[in-house]
Amino acid sequence: MSRAVLYEEVRKLLQAGAQLVDVLPRERYREQHLPGAINVPLKELDATTTAQLDRSKPVVAYCFDAL
């Protein structure tokens, strides 16, 4: 289940152990990403690329594209 969350809730989720996933392409991730984020590009998002995630913890996925 996915839903939008505001900054304060994201902060609380991360403090409680949520996983932070940046879904931008690898080049953009290398340029700048939030501390502790892992990169799973949206175009590669599937069961194989998400196998590294802990299914018992929430996932916060984000992207920032100023273009």
N, C-alpha and C. Protein backbone atom coordinates (compact mmCIF):
# COMPACT_ATOMS: atom_id res chain seq x y z
N MET A 1 0.84 -1.17 0.00
CA MET A 1 0.00 0.00 0.00
C MET A 1 0.89 1.24 0.00
N SER A 2 0.60 2.18 -0.84
CA SER A 2 1.38 3.42 -0.88
C SER A 2 0.49 4.60 -0.54
N ARG A 3 1.13 5.63 0.00
CA ARG A 3 0.42 6.86 0.31
C ARG A 3 1.43 7.97 0.47
N ALA A 4 0.99 9.20 0.28
CA ALA A 4 1.87 10.35 0.47
C ALA A 4 1.97 10.67 1.95
N VAL A 5 3.15 11.10 2.38
CA VAL A 5 3.34 11.49 3.77
C VAL A 5 4.08 12.82 3.81
N LEU A 6 3.84 13.57 4.86
CA LEU A 6 4.50 14.84 5.04
C LEU A 6 5.83 14.65 5.75
N TYR A 7 6.68 15.67 5.71
CA TYR A 7 8.04 15.59 6.26
C TYR A 7 8.07 15.06 7.70
N GLU A 8 7.22 15.59 8.55
CA GLU A 8 7.26 15.18 9.96
C GLU A 8 7.01 13.68 10.11
N GLU A 9 6.08 13.14 9.34
CA GLU A 9 5.83 11.70 9.41
C GLU A 9 7.00 10.90 8.85
N VAL A 10 7.61 11.40 7.79
CA VAL A 10 8.80 10.73 7.23
C VAL A 10 9.90 10.68 8.28
N ARG A 11 10.12 11.78 8.95
CA ARG A 11 11.14 11.84 9.99
C ARG A 11 10.88 10.79 11.07
N LYS A 12 9.64 10.69 11.50
CA LYS A 12 9.28 9.70 12.53
C LYS A 12 9.45 8.27 12.01
N LEU A 13 9.06 8.03 10.78
CA LEU A 13 9.22 6.70 10.19
C LEU A 13 10.70 6.30 10.13
N LEU A 14 11.55 7.23 9.71
CA LEU A 14 12.98 6.94 9.62
C LEU A 14 13.59 6.71 10.99
N GLN A 15 13.17 7.48 11.97
CA GLN A 15 13.67 7.27 13.33
C GLN A 15 13.25 5.91 13.87
N ALA A 16 12.12 5.40 13.39
CA ALA A 16 11.63 4.09 13.83
C ALA A 16 12.20 2.94 13.00
N GLY A 17 13.09 3.25 12.05
CA GLY A 17 13.75 2.19 11.29
C GLY A 17 13.27 1.99 9.87
N ALA A 18 12.45 2.89 9.35
CA ALA A 18 12.00 2.75 7.95
C ALA A 18 13.20 2.85 7.01
N GLN A 19 13.05 2.26 5.85
CA GLN A 19 14.09 2.26 4.82
C GLN A 19 13.82 3.39 3.84
N LEU A 20 14.85 4.13 3.48
CA LEU A 20 14.72 5.27 2.58
C LEU A 20 15.24 4.87 1.21
N VAL A 21 14.38 4.96 0.21
CA VAL A 21 14.73 4.52 -1.14
C VAL A 21 14.58 5.68 -2.12
N ASP A 22 15.68 6.04 -2.77
CA ASP A 22 15.69 7.07 -3.81
C ASP A 22 15.45 6.36 -5.14
N VAL A 23 14.42 6.76 -5.88
CA VAL A 23 14.07 6.07 -7.12
C VAL A 23 14.54 6.79 -8.39
N LEU A 24 15.39 7.79 -8.23
CA LEU A 24 15.94 8.47 -9.40
C LEU A 24 16.99 7.59 -10.09
N PRO A 25 17.31 7.89 -11.35
CA PRO A 25 18.37 7.13 -12.05
C PRO A 25 19.68 7.21 -11.27
N ARG A 26 20.54 6.21 -11.46
CA ARG A 26 21.79 6.11 -10.72
C ARG A 26 22.65 7.38 -10.79
N GLU A 27 22.73 7.99 -11.98
CA GLU A 27 23.55 9.20 -12.15
C GLU A 27 23.06 10.31 -11.23
N ARG A 28 21.76 10.50 -11.19
CA ARG A 28 21.18 11.54 -10.33
C ARG A 28 21.39 11.20 -8.86
N TYR A 29 21.27 9.93 -8.49
CA TYR A 29 21.50 9.49 -7.11
C TYR A 29 22.94 9.81 -6.70
N ARG A 30 23.90 9.52 -7.59
CA ARG A 30 25.31 9.78 -7.27
C ARG A 30 25.57 11.27 -7.07
N GLU A 31 24.86 12.10 -7.82
CA GLU A 31 25.04 13.55 -7.70
C GLU A 31 24.59 14.06 -6.34
N GLN A 32 23.44 13.57 -5.87
CA GLN A 32 22.92 14.05 -4.60
C GLN A 32 21.76 13.17 -4.15
N HIS A 33 21.83 12.75 -2.89
CA HIS A 33 20.75 11.96 -2.31
C HIS A 33 20.71 12.21 -0.81
N LEU A 34 19.63 11.84 -0.19
CA LEU A 34 19.49 12.01 1.25
C LEU A 34 20.38 11.01 1.98
N PRO A 35 20.94 11.40 3.13
CA PRO A 35 21.78 10.49 3.90
C PRO A 35 21.04 9.19 4.25
N GLY A 36 21.71 8.07 4.04
CA GLY A 36 21.14 6.78 4.39
C GLY A 36 20.24 6.17 3.32
N ALA A 37 20.00 6.90 2.25
CA ALA A 37 19.12 6.38 1.19
C ALA A 37 19.85 5.35 0.34
N ILE A 38 19.10 4.36 -0.12
CA ILE A 38 19.63 3.43 -1.10
C ILE A 38 18.98 3.77 -2.43
N ASN A 39 19.60 3.36 -3.50
CA ASN A 39 19.10 3.68 -4.83
C ASN A 39 18.51 2.45 -5.51
N VAL A 40 17.24 2.57 -5.88
CA VAL A 40 16.56 1.58 -6.71
C VAL A 40 15.83 2.40 -7.77
N PRO A 41 16.47 2.60 -8.93
CA PRO A 41 15.85 3.43 -9.96
C PRO A 41 14.45 2.94 -10.33
N LEU A 42 13.54 3.87 -10.49
CA LEU A 42 12.15 3.56 -10.77
C LEU A 42 12.01 2.64 -11.98
N LYS A 43 12.78 2.88 -13.02
CA LYS A 43 12.68 2.06 -14.23
C LYS A 43 13.19 0.64 -14.02
N GLU A 44 13.88 0.40 -12.90
CA GLU A 44 14.41 -0.94 -12.59
C GLU A 44 13.68 -1.58 -11.41
N LEU A 45 12.66 -0.94 -10.93
CA LEU A 45 11.94 -1.40 -9.74
C LEU A 45 11.20 -2.70 -10.03
N ASP A 46 11.66 -3.78 -9.40
CA ASP A 46 11.01 -5.07 -9.54
C ASP A 46 11.39 -5.95 -8.34
N ALA A 47 10.98 -7.18 -8.34
CA ALA A 47 11.24 -8.08 -7.21
C ALA A 47 12.73 -8.30 -7.00
N THR A 48 13.51 -8.33 -8.05
CA THR A 48 14.95 -8.56 -7.93
C THR A 48 15.64 -7.35 -7.30
N THR A 49 15.34 -6.15 -7.79
CA THR A 49 16.03 -4.95 -7.29
C THR A 49 15.58 -4.56 -5.89
N THR A 50 14.43 -5.03 -5.47
CA THR A 50 13.96 -4.70 -4.12
C THR A 50 14.23 -5.83 -3.13
N ALA A 51 14.90 -6.88 -3.57
CA ALA A 51 15.19 -8.00 -2.67
C ALA A 51 16.06 -7.59 -1.49
N GLN A 52 16.81 -6.51 -1.65
CA GLN A 52 17.67 -6.03 -0.57
C GLN A 52 16.89 -5.35 0.56
N LEU A 53 15.63 -5.05 0.33
CA LEU A 53 14.82 -4.38 1.34
C LEU A 53 14.30 -5.37 2.38
N ASP A 54 14.16 -4.90 3.59
CA ASP A 54 13.64 -5.70 4.69
C ASP A 54 12.11 -5.58 4.67
N ARG A 55 11.43 -6.66 4.33
CA ARG A 55 9.97 -6.63 4.20
C ARG A 55 9.24 -6.40 5.52
N SER A 56 9.95 -6.48 6.63
CA SER A 56 9.31 -6.25 7.92
C SER A 56 9.32 -4.78 8.33
N LYS A 57 9.99 -3.94 7.53
CA LYS A 57 10.09 -2.52 7.85
C LYS A 57 9.43 -1.68 6.76
N PRO A 58 8.86 -0.53 7.15
CA PRO A 58 8.27 0.36 6.14
C PRO A 58 9.33 0.87 5.17
N VAL A 59 8.89 1.23 3.98
CA VAL A 59 9.77 1.80 2.96
C VAL A 59 9.25 3.19 2.62
N VAL A 60 10.16 4.16 2.64
CA VAL A 60 9.84 5.51 2.20
C VAL A 60 10.57 5.72 0.88
N ALA A 61 9.83 5.78 -0.21
CA ALA A 61 10.42 6.00 -1.53
C ALA A 61 10.26 7.47 -1.89
N TYR A 62 11.31 8.03 -2.48
CA TYR A 62 11.24 9.44 -2.85
C TYR A 62 12.03 9.68 -4.12
N CYS A 63 11.72 10.80 -4.74
CA CYS A 63 12.53 11.31 -5.83
C CYS A 63 12.42 12.82 -5.80
N PHE A 64 13.42 13.47 -6.30
CA PHE A 64 13.39 14.92 -6.42
C PHE A 64 13.90 15.24 -7.79
N ASP A 65 13.06 15.83 -8.58
CA ASP A 65 13.46 16.21 -9.93
C ASP A 65 13.01 17.63 -10.16
N ALA A 66 13.95 18.52 -10.18
CA ALA A 66 13.64 19.94 -10.34
C ALA A 66 13.40 20.33 -11.79
N LEU A 67 13.56 19.38 -12.69
CA LEU A 67 13.39 19.70 -14.12
C LEU A 67 11.94 19.79 -14.49
